């Protein structure tokens, strides 16, 4: 499918969450609470067991590319809180536009894409012996539902590509295209910074979001998209070569014409 250009958009107000989003907003805090209680009582290593670490996956902890989204920073609830905000303000309109089934499947795809990208990136740079050179894209351990939120953010912008939107309490109007560009810029600067935040899963979710929302994961759709882009580029090139020639109707008045 092509990117939607007419969906109503905006991040203002407090939308009612759908059933899938409601389940997510409940499951993440409950999982975090259980993990804290378990870490405090019987198993302090619960976070390391569930967080995504590529070396651990290679050693047999194959569940980590899925469970990492249910693990948030044990040092404080801020990480979880901001992810919940992202889920709420981005997920509520997307579930309303897409429907619960497509929204839930999209979240699952972003989760898996983020985990798979992290593991594959670690394998590639490890095999090439250049992992130290890529420390601006740390590969683990990774925890949190950030990848899904970033994927939803890009999807929100693509769905609202040409539609005006406005942030809550911020009197600035912009389009979905601007939203996507800002999201990408934030991710690139975060990856290049020395924050130590794992970025590979974010970029995996971004790629999955673009493929899903544009339909480019289908080869025929991808060919159509590339063909349209090529035609538009050719048309712009031709338009630049055209010259406007004066002419048309005469400026003479009717009375000046010969009888």
Protein backbone atom coordinates (compact mmCIF):
# COMPACT_ATOMS: atom_id res chain seq x y z
CA UNK A 1 0.00 0.00 0.00
CA UNK A 2 1.07 3.60 -0.54
CA UNK A 3 1.63 5.99 2.40
CA UNK A 4 -1.65 7.51 3.52
CA UNK A 5 -1.82 11.25 2.96
CA UNK A 6 -5.27 12.07 4.27
CA UNK A 7 -5.47 10.57 7.75
CA UNK A 8 -6.49 13.02 10.45
CA UNK A 9 -3.53 13.77 12.63
CA UNK A 10 -2.38 15.55 15.71
CA UNK A 11 -0.83 14.72 19.05
CA UNK A 12 -3.03 17.03 21.04
CA UNK A 13 -5.70 15.99 23.52
CA UNK A 14 -5.99 12.71 25.35
CA UNK A 15 -7.23 9.99 22.97
CA UNK A 16 -8.91 6.85 24.26
CA UNK A 17 -6.59 3.83 23.88
CA UNK A 18 -7.77 0.77 22.00
CA UNK A 19 -7.73 -2.77 23.42
CA UNK A 20 -4.22 -3.68 22.23
CA UNK A 21 -2.72 -0.42 23.48
CA UNK A 22 -4.55 -0.81 26.79
CA UNK A 23 -3.02 -4.27 27.21
CA UNK A 24 0.45 -2.86 26.50
CA UNK A 25 0.01 0.03 28.94
CA UNK A 26 -0.94 -2.48 31.64
CA UNK A 27 1.57 -5.23 30.81
CA UNK A 28 4.72 -3.08 30.82
CA UNK A 29 4.29 -1.59 34.33
CA UNK A 30 3.19 -4.95 35.74
CA UNK A 31 6.23 -6.68 34.24
CA UNK A 32 8.50 -3.96 35.62
CA UNK A 33 7.00 -4.29 39.10
CA UNK A 34 7.34 -8.08 39.08
CA UNK A 35 10.96 -7.83 37.93
CA UNK A 36 11.79 -5.38 40.71
CA UNK A 37 10.18 -7.63 43.32
CA UNK A 38 11.99 -10.69 42.00
CA UNK A 39 15.31 -8.82 41.88
CA UNK A 40 14.82 -7.65 45.47
CA UNK A 41 13.84 -11.05 46.82
CA UNK A 42 14.98 -14.23 45.08
CA UNK A 43 16.88 -13.50 41.86
CA UNK A 44 18.94 -10.30 41.50
CA UNK A 45 19.97 -11.26 37.96
CA UNK A 46 16.46 -11.15 36.48
CA UNK A 47 17.19 -8.01 34.44
CA UNK A 48 20.36 -9.47 32.93
CA UNK A 49 18.49 -12.68 32.14
CA UNK A 50 15.74 -10.92 30.15
CA UNK A 51 17.60 -7.94 28.65
CA UNK A 52 19.00 -8.35 25.13
CA UNK A 53 22.73 -9.05 25.00
CA UNK A 54 24.05 -10.47 21.69
CA UNK A 55 26.78 -12.58 23.38
CA UNK A 56 24.13 -14.09 25.67
CA UNK A 57 21.93 -14.90 22.68
CA UNK A 58 24.86 -16.72 21.08
CA UNK A 59 25.23 -18.72 24.28
CA UNK A 60 21.66 -19.97 24.07
CA UNK A 61 19.44 -17.29 25.61
CA UNK A 62 17.33 -17.12 22.47
CA UNK A 63 14.37 -15.55 24.29
CA UNK A 64 16.14 -12.23 24.79
CA UNK A 65 15.26 -10.72 21.34
CA UNK A 66 11.64 -10.85 22.58
CA UNK A 67 11.81 -10.35 26.34
CA UNK A 68 13.99 -7.23 26.19
CA UNK A 69 10.96 -4.98 25.61
CA UNK A 70 9.50 -5.98 28.99
CA UNK A 71 12.66 -4.93 30.86
CA UNK A 72 13.26 -1.29 31.73
CA UNK A 73 15.98 0.51 33.66
CA UNK A 74 16.00 -0.90 37.21
CA UNK A 75 17.58 2.32 38.44
CA UNK A 76 14.31 4.24 38.20
CA UNK A 77 10.90 4.33 36.52
CA UNK A 78 11.70 7.27 34.21
CA UNK A 79 12.65 5.01 31.29
CA UNK A 80 9.37 3.12 31.55
CA UNK A 81 7.34 6.31 32.06
CA UNK A 82 8.52 7.98 28.85
CA UNK A 83 8.00 4.81 26.86
CA UNK A 84 4.43 4.62 28.16
CA UNK A 85 3.87 8.24 27.10
CA UNK A 86 5.16 7.42 23.62
CA UNK A 87 2.91 4.39 23.39
CA UNK A 88 -0.12 6.36 24.50
CA UNK A 89 0.15 9.44 22.28
CA UNK A 90 1.40 7.57 19.19
CA UNK A 91 -0.37 4.26 19.63
CA UNK A 92 -3.88 5.53 20.32
CA UNK A 93 -4.40 7.26 16.94
CA UNK A 94 -2.57 4.51 15.05
CA UNK A 95 -4.75 1.77 16.53
CA UNK A 96 -7.83 3.82 15.68
CA UNK A 97 -6.72 4.30 12.04
CA UNK A 98 -5.31 0.81 11.47
CA UNK A 99 -7.50 -1.34 13.67
CA UNK A 100 -6.36 -3.42 16.64
CA UNK A 101 -5.14 -6.41 14.62
CA UNK A 102 -2.83 -4.45 12.34
CA UNK A 103 -1.61 -2.28 15.21
CA UNK A 104 -0.74 -5.32 17.32
CA UNK A 105 1.04 -7.04 14.44
CA UNK A 106 3.00 -3.85 13.71
CA UNK A 107 4.19 -3.64 17.32
CA UNK A 108 5.28 -7.28 17.13
CA UNK A 109 7.17 -6.64 13.88
CA UNK A 110 8.96 -3.61 15.39
CA UNK A 111 9.90 -5.70 18.43
CA UNK A 112 11.33 -8.54 16.34
CA UNK A 113 13.04 -6.21 13.86
CA UNK A 114 14.75 -4.34 16.68
CA UNK A 115 15.98 -7.50 18.36
CA UNK A 116 17.09 -9.17 15.13
CA UNK A 117 18.95 -6.05 13.97
CA UNK A 118 20.85 -5.84 17.24
CA UNK A 119 21.95 -9.47 17.08
CA UNK A 120 22.82 -9.39 13.36
CA UNK A 121 24.76 -6.15 13.73
CA UNK A 122 26.79 -7.66 16.57
CA UNK A 123 27.55 -10.72 14.44
CA UNK A 124 28.65 -8.67 11.44
CA UNK A 125 30.89 -6.19 13.24
CA UNK A 126 32.28 -8.98 15.41
CA UNK A 127 33.16 -11.10 12.37
CA UNK A 128 34.79 -8.09 10.70
CA UNK A 129 36.75 -7.23 13.82
CA UNK A 130 35.62 -3.59 13.81
CA UNK A 131 33.23 -3.60 16.74
CA UNK A 132 35.27 -0.95 18.55
CA UNK A 133 34.92 1.40 15.58
CA UNK A 134 31.13 1.10 15.81
CA UNK A 135 30.81 1.95 19.49
CA UNK A 136 28.47 4.80 18.53
CA UNK A 137 25.98 1.98 17.80
CA UNK A 138 26.40 -0.15 20.95
CA UNK A 139 24.94 -3.60 20.65
CA UNK A 140 24.03 -4.44 24.19
CA UNK A 141 22.83 -5.07 26.69
CA UNK A 142 19.60 -3.55 25.42
CA UNK A 143 16.41 -3.18 27.40
CA UNK A 144 13.09 -1.40 27.05
CA UNK A 145 10.32 -0.96 24.51
CA UNK A 146 12.08 1.97 22.83
CA UNK A 147 12.32 0.17 19.49
CA UNK A 148 8.54 -0.24 19.28
CA UNK A 149 7.97 3.40 20.23
CA UNK A 150 10.44 4.61 17.59
CA UNK A 151 8.78 2.38 15.00
CA UNK A 152 5.37 3.80 15.94
CA UNK A 153 6.77 7.33 15.72
CA UNK A 154 7.95 6.82 12.14
CA UNK A 155 4.69 5.08 11.24
CA UNK A 156 2.69 7.99 12.66
CA UNK A 157 4.61 10.43 10.50
CA UNK A 158 4.24 8.35 7.34
CA UNK A 159 0.50 7.86 7.85
CA UNK A 160 0.13 11.62 8.40
CA UNK A 161 2.71 12.54 5.75
CA UNK A 162 1.05 15.68 4.38
CA UNK A 163 -1.44 16.34 7.15
CA UNK A 164 -0.91 19.24 9.59
CA UNK A 165 -0.42 18.28 13.23
CA UNK A 166 0.27 20.03 16.49
CA UNK A 167 1.86 18.84 19.71
CA UNK A 168 0.01 19.08 22.99
CA UNK A 169 0.67 22.50 24.60
CA UNK A 170 3.08 23.46 21.78
CA UNK A 171 1.58 26.00 19.33
CA UNK A 172 3.64 24.85 16.34
CA UNK A 173 2.06 23.24 13.29
CA UNK A 174 4.04 20.82 11.13
CA UNK A 175 3.48 17.83 8.85
CA UNK A 176 4.09 14.13 9.25
CA UNK A 177 7.07 14.42 6.95
CA UNK A 178 8.72 16.85 9.35
CA UNK A 179 7.89 14.52 12.23
CA UNK A 180 9.70 11.63 10.51
CA UNK A 181 12.75 13.77 9.73
CA UNK A 182 12.95 15.00 13.34
CA UNK A 183 12.66 11.43 14.62
CA UNK A 184 15.47 10.29 12.34
CA UNK A 185 17.66 13.24 13.35
CA UNK A 186 17.18 12.48 17.04
CA UNK A 187 18.12 8.84 16.50
CA UNK A 188 21.23 9.69 14.48
CA UNK A 189 22.47 12.20 17.06
CA UNK A 190 21.71 9.76 19.88
CA UNK A 191 23.67 7.05 18.09
CA UNK A 192 26.66 9.36 17.59
CA UNK A 193 26.60 10.60 21.17
CA UNK A 194 28.41 9.01 24.11
CA UNK A 195 25.22 8.27 26.02
CA UNK A 196 25.77 4.51 25.80
CA UNK A 197 22.17 3.97 24.67
CA UNK A 198 21.77 1.00 22.37
CA UNK A 199 20.64 2.32 19.00
CA UNK A 200 20.69 -0.71 16.73
CA UNK A 201 17.22 -1.89 17.69
CA UNK A 202 15.85 1.61 17.00
CA UNK A 203 17.15 1.60 13.43
CA UNK A 204 15.83 -1.90 12.88
CA UNK A 205 12.37 -0.75 13.94
CA UNK A 206 12.64 2.35 11.72
CA UNK A 207 13.43 0.20 8.68
CA UNK A 208 10.55 -2.15 9.48
CA UNK A 209 8.18 0.78 9.92
CA UNK A 210 9.07 2.26 6.53
CA UNK A 211 8.66 -1.11 4.81
CA UNK A 212 5.30 -1.78 6.46
CA UNK A 213 3.79 1.66 5.96
CA UNK A 214 4.86 2.04 2.33
CA UNK A 215 4.23 -1.58 1.37
CA UNK A 216 7.80 -1.76 0.07
CA UNK A 217 8.25 -5.18 1.66
CA UNK A 218 6.29 -6.48 -1.35
CA UNK A 219 8.57 -6.63 -4.40
CA UNK A 220 5.88 -5.46 -6.82
CA UNK A 221 5.05 -2.48 -4.61
CA UNK A 222 8.73 -1.65 -4.25
CA UNK A 223 9.14 -1.68 -8.02
CA UNK A 224 6.13 0.63 -8.41
CA UNK A 225 7.51 3.04 -5.82
CA UNK A 226 10.91 3.15 -7.50
CA UNK A 227 9.29 3.60 -10.92
CA UNK A 228 7.19 6.53 -9.69
CA UNK A 229 10.24 8.15 -8.10
CA UNK A 230 12.15 7.75 -11.36
CA UNK A 231 9.31 9.28 -13.40
CA UNK A 232 9.02 12.25 -11.04
CA UNK A 233 12.77 12.85 -11.29
CA UNK A 234 12.61 12.73 -15.10
CA UNK A 235 9.62 15.11 -15.17
CA UNK A 236 11.46 17.62 -12.98
CA UNK A 237 14.50 17.38 -15.26
CA UNK A 238 12.35 18.01 -18.34
CA UNK A 239 10.53 20.93 -16.70
CA UNK A 240 13.84 22.63 -15.95
CA UNK A 241 14.74 22.48 -19.66
CA UNK A 242 11.47 24.01 -20.86
CA UNK A 243 11.27 27.70 -21.74
CA UNK A 244 8.18 29.88 -21.56
CA UNK A 245 7.51 31.59 -24.94
CA UNK A 246 5.50 34.78 -25.02
CA UNK A 247 2.49 34.63 -27.28
CA UNK A 248 -1.17 33.81 -27.31
CA UNK A 249 -3.88 36.41 -27.55
CA UNK A 250 -2.94 39.84 -28.84
CA UNK A 251 -2.82 42.79 -26.50
CA UNK A 252 -4.47 44.98 -29.17
CA UNK A 253 -7.93 46.25 -28.48
CA UNK A 254 -10.79 45.09 -30.64
CA UNK A 255 -11.22 48.61 -32.07
CA UNK A 256 -7.64 48.57 -33.34
CA UNK A 257 -8.21 45.51 -35.50
CA UNK A 258 -8.67 46.11 -39.28
CA UNK A 259 -12.21 45.91 -40.68
